[in-house]
């Protein structure tokens, strides 16, 4: 929030990056509604991410509705999360194909295990 205040003093907008999934998304949504100079809030919408949040965040007409429940305002499906642990060896999820194939579809599923995003 301090960075947003510094940016606002210089008439700059901010757009927090999202790479870690729906719990981080909930935190970003709360940040977005608490500052006047938000440009946009990113989201990664995959069936897997949608299933991880039982309740809380909705998107209506391209606008994110901030959760109203206590805390981050979301209910995480902990059983689904436990059934799909991150088993990679990197600190962060792989966010792109390597090497990148610019001729085909974007296969990134935001960490969803192959075959388990439905």
C-alpha atoms as a PDB file:
ATOM      1  CA  UNK A   1       0.000   0.000   0.000  1.00  0.00           C
ATOM      2  CA  UNK A   2       2.966   2.333   0.605  1.00  0.00           C
ATOM      3  CA  UNK A   3       4.151   1.773  -2.958  1.00  0.00           C
ATOM      4  CA  UNK A   4       0.683   2.697  -4.203  1.00  0.00           C
ATOM      5  CA  UNK A   5       0.823   5.927  -2.170  1.00  0.00           C
ATOM      6  CA  UNK A   6       4.226   6.809  -3.636  1.00  0.00           C
ATOM      7  CA  UNK A   7       2.916   6.109  -7.134  1.00  0.00           C
ATOM      8  CA  UNK A   8      -0.210   8.201  -6.508  1.00  0.00           C
ATOM      9  CA  UNK A   9       1.945  11.183  -5.507  1.00  0.00           C
ATOM     10  CA  UNK A  10       3.394  11.055  -9.031  1.00  0.00           C
ATOM     11  CA  UNK A  11       0.032  10.490 -10.757  1.00  0.00           C
ATOM     12  CA  UNK A  12       0.986   6.898 -11.546  1.00  0.00           C
ATOM     13  CA  UNK A  13      -1.268   3.882 -11.427  1.00  0.00           C
ATOM     14  CA  UNK A  14      -0.335   0.415 -10.223  1.00  0.00           C
ATOM     15  CA  UNK A  15      -1.240  -3.063 -11.407  1.00  0.00           C
ATOM     16  CA  UNK A  16      -0.143  -5.734  -8.902  1.00  0.00           C
ATOM     17  CA  UNK A  17       1.163  -8.881 -10.586  1.00  0.00           C
ATOM     18  CA  UNK A  18      -0.504 -12.204  -9.838  1.00  0.00           C
ATOM     19  CA  UNK A  19       1.388 -15.465 -10.206  1.00  0.00           C
ATOM     20  CA  UNK A  20       0.584 -17.534  -7.141  1.00  0.00           C
ATOM     21  CA  UNK A  21      -3.065 -18.422  -7.496  1.00  0.00           C
ATOM     22  CA  UNK A  22      -6.419 -17.643  -5.924  1.00  0.00           C
ATOM     23  CA  UNK A  23      -5.317 -16.887  -2.353  1.00  0.00           C
ATOM     24  CA  UNK A  24      -2.942 -14.211  -3.637  1.00  0.00           C
ATOM     25  CA  UNK A  25      -5.739 -13.042  -5.939  1.00  0.00           C
ATOM     26  CA  UNK A  26      -7.971 -12.440  -2.911  1.00  0.00           C
ATOM     27  CA  UNK A  27      -5.227 -10.362  -1.270  1.00  0.00           C
ATOM     28  CA  UNK A  28      -4.743  -8.367  -4.491  1.00  0.00           C
ATOM     29  CA  UNK A  29      -8.483  -7.694  -4.723  1.00  0.00           C
ATOM     30  CA  UNK A  30      -8.456  -6.242  -1.195  1.00  0.00           C
ATOM     31  CA  UNK A  31      -5.447  -4.093  -2.103  1.00  0.00           C
ATOM     32  CA  UNK A  32      -7.184  -2.936  -5.286  1.00  0.00           C
ATOM     33  CA  UNK A  33     -10.310  -1.736  -3.491  1.00  0.00           C
ATOM     34  CA  UNK A  34      -8.272   0.086  -0.840  1.00  0.00           C
ATOM     35  CA  UNK A  35      -6.262   2.385  -3.140  1.00  0.00           C
ATOM     36  CA  UNK A  36      -7.431   5.112  -5.529  1.00  0.00           C
ATOM     37  CA  UNK A  37      -4.820   4.565  -8.253  1.00  0.00           C
ATOM     38  CA  UNK A  38      -5.372   0.943  -9.230  1.00  0.00           C
ATOM     39  CA  UNK A  39      -5.100   0.375 -12.976  1.00  0.00           C
ATOM     40  CA  UNK A  40      -6.221  -3.228 -13.024  1.00  0.00           C
ATOM     41  CA  UNK A  41      -6.163  -6.428 -11.025  1.00  0.00           C
ATOM     42  CA  UNK A  42      -4.791  -9.503 -12.751  1.00  0.00           C
ATOM     43  CA  UNK A  43      -6.401 -12.903 -12.512  1.00  0.00           C
ATOM     44  CA  UNK A  44      -5.610 -16.409 -13.671  1.00  0.00           C
ATOM     45  CA  UNK A  45      -8.916 -18.081 -14.387  1.00  0.00           C
ATOM     46  CA  UNK A  46      -8.584 -21.813 -14.923  1.00  0.00           C
ATOM     47  CA  UNK A  47     -11.030 -24.512 -13.884  1.00  0.00           C
ATOM     48  CA  UNK A  48      -8.486 -25.646 -11.276  1.00  0.00           C
ATOM     49  CA  UNK A  49      -8.159 -22.179  -9.727  1.00  0.00           C
ATOM     50  CA  UNK A  50     -11.926 -21.699  -9.768  1.00  0.00           C
ATOM     51  CA  UNK A  51     -12.396 -25.011  -7.961  1.00  0.00           C
ATOM     52  CA  UNK A  52      -9.851 -24.053  -5.270  1.00  0.00           C
ATOM     53  CA  UNK A  53     -12.067 -21.206  -4.060  1.00  0.00           C
ATOM     54  CA  UNK A  54     -15.440 -22.467  -2.872  1.00  0.00           C
ATOM     55  CA  UNK A  55     -16.817 -18.999  -2.109  1.00  0.00           C
ATOM     56  CA  UNK A  56     -15.701 -15.409  -2.086  1.00  0.00           C
ATOM     57  CA  UNK A  57     -14.582 -13.838  -5.350  1.00  0.00           C
ATOM     58  CA  UNK A  58     -16.838 -13.290  -8.329  1.00  0.00           C
ATOM     59  CA  UNK A  59     -16.280 -11.527 -11.638  1.00  0.00           C
ATOM     60  CA  UNK A  60     -19.228  -9.704 -13.181  1.00  0.00           C
ATOM     61  CA  UNK A  61     -18.941  -7.938 -16.522  1.00  0.00           C
ATOM     62  CA  UNK A  62     -15.165  -7.785 -16.275  1.00  0.00           C
ATOM     63  CA  UNK A  63     -15.275  -6.310 -12.772  1.00  0.00           C
ATOM     64  CA  UNK A  64     -14.100  -8.175  -9.678  1.00  0.00           C
ATOM     65  CA  UNK A  65     -16.434  -8.123  -6.695  1.00  0.00           C
ATOM     66  CA  UNK A  66     -14.433  -7.933  -3.485  1.00  0.00           C
ATOM     67  CA  UNK A  67     -15.149 -10.663  -0.936  1.00  0.00           C
ATOM     68  CA  UNK A  68     -17.133  -9.468   2.084  1.00  0.00           C
ATOM     69  CA  UNK A  69     -16.402 -12.287   4.556  1.00  0.00           C
ATOM     70  CA  UNK A  70     -13.766 -11.884   7.319  1.00  0.00           C
ATOM     71  CA  UNK A  71     -10.066 -12.213   6.516  1.00  0.00           C
ATOM     72  CA  UNK A  72      -9.375 -12.529   2.817  1.00  0.00           C
ATOM     73  CA  UNK A  73     -13.046 -13.332   2.376  1.00  0.00           C
ATOM     74  CA  UNK A  74     -12.600 -16.644   0.598  1.00  0.00           C
ATOM     75  CA  UNK A  75     -13.160 -20.276   1.452  1.00  0.00           C
ATOM     76  CA  UNK A  76     -10.414 -22.522   0.071  1.00  0.00           C
ATOM     77  CA  UNK A  77     -11.156 -26.128  -0.873  1.00  0.00           C
ATOM     78  CA  UNK A  78      -8.401 -27.575   1.285  1.00  0.00           C
ATOM     79  CA  UNK A  79      -9.159 -31.151   0.229  1.00  0.00           C
ATOM     80  CA  UNK A  80      -8.571 -30.225  -3.418  1.00  0.00           C
ATOM     81  CA  UNK A  81      -5.374 -28.377  -2.492  1.00  0.00           C
ATOM     82  CA  UNK A  82      -4.070 -31.380  -0.516  1.00  0.00           C
ATOM     83  CA  UNK A  83      -4.950 -33.723  -3.386  1.00  0.00           C
ATOM     84  CA  UNK A  84      -2.847 -31.627  -5.793  1.00  0.00           C
ATOM     85  CA  UNK A  85       0.375 -30.658  -4.003  1.00  0.00           C
ATOM     86  CA  UNK A  86       3.104 -28.767  -5.817  1.00  0.00           C
ATOM     87  CA  UNK A  87       5.779 -31.359  -6.570  1.00  0.00           C
ATOM     88  CA  UNK A  88       8.152 -29.251  -8.639  1.00  0.00           C
ATOM     89  CA  UNK A  89      11.649 -28.366  -7.578  1.00  0.00           C
ATOM     90  CA  UNK A  90      11.395 -24.631  -8.254  1.00  0.00           C
ATOM     91  CA  UNK A  91      10.312 -21.960  -5.804  1.00  0.00           C
ATOM     92  CA  UNK A  92       7.696 -20.598  -8.201  1.00  0.00           C
ATOM     93  CA  UNK A  93       5.319 -22.317 -10.564  1.00  0.00           C
ATOM     94  CA  UNK A  94       6.416 -22.454 -14.175  1.00  0.00           C
ATOM     95  CA  UNK A  95       4.486 -19.631 -15.794  1.00  0.00           C
ATOM     96  CA  UNK A  96       5.204 -20.460 -19.424  1.00  0.00           C
ATOM     97  CA  UNK A  97       6.164 -23.247 -21.716  1.00  0.00           C
ATOM     98  CA  UNK A  98       9.897 -23.722 -22.078  1.00  0.00           C
ATOM     99  CA  UNK A  99      10.763 -23.195 -24.831  1.00  0.00           C
ATOM    100  CA  UNK A 100       7.862 -20.923 -25.709  1.00  0.00           C
ATOM    101  CA  UNK A 101       5.834 -21.965 -28.747  1.00  0.00           C
ATOM    102  CA  UNK A 102       4.280 -18.794 -30.170  1.00  0.00           C
ATOM    103  CA  UNK A 103       2.457 -20.745 -32.895  1.00  0.00           C
ATOM    104  CA  UNK A 104       0.265 -22.889 -30.642  1.00  0.00           C
ATOM    105  CA  UNK A 105      -2.235 -22.347 -27.837  1.00  0.00           C
ATOM    106  CA  UNK A 106      -1.202 -21.176 -24.385  1.00  0.00           C
ATOM    107  CA  UNK A 107      -0.973 -24.394 -22.372  1.00  0.00           C
ATOM    108  CA  UNK A 108      -0.369 -22.715 -19.008  1.00  0.00           C
ATOM    109  CA  UNK A 109      -2.885 -23.912 -16.439  1.00  0.00           C
ATOM    110  CA  UNK A 110      -1.609 -21.972 -13.452  1.00  0.00           C
ATOM    111  CA  UNK A 111      -0.157 -24.955 -11.643  1.00  0.00           C
ATOM    112  CA  UNK A 112      -3.054 -27.300 -12.292  1.00  0.00           C
ATOM    113  CA  UNK A 113      -1.755 -30.829 -12.711  1.00  0.00           C
ATOM    114  CA  UNK A 114      -2.178 -32.096 -16.254  1.00  0.00           C
ATOM    115  CA  UNK A 115      -5.510 -33.864 -16.582  1.00  0.00           C
ATOM    116  CA  UNK A 116      -6.853 -32.557 -13.260  1.00  0.00           C
ATOM    117  CA  UNK A 117      -8.072 -29.094 -14.265  1.00  0.00           C
ATOM    118  CA  UNK A 118     -11.623 -30.181 -15.090  1.00  0.00           C
END
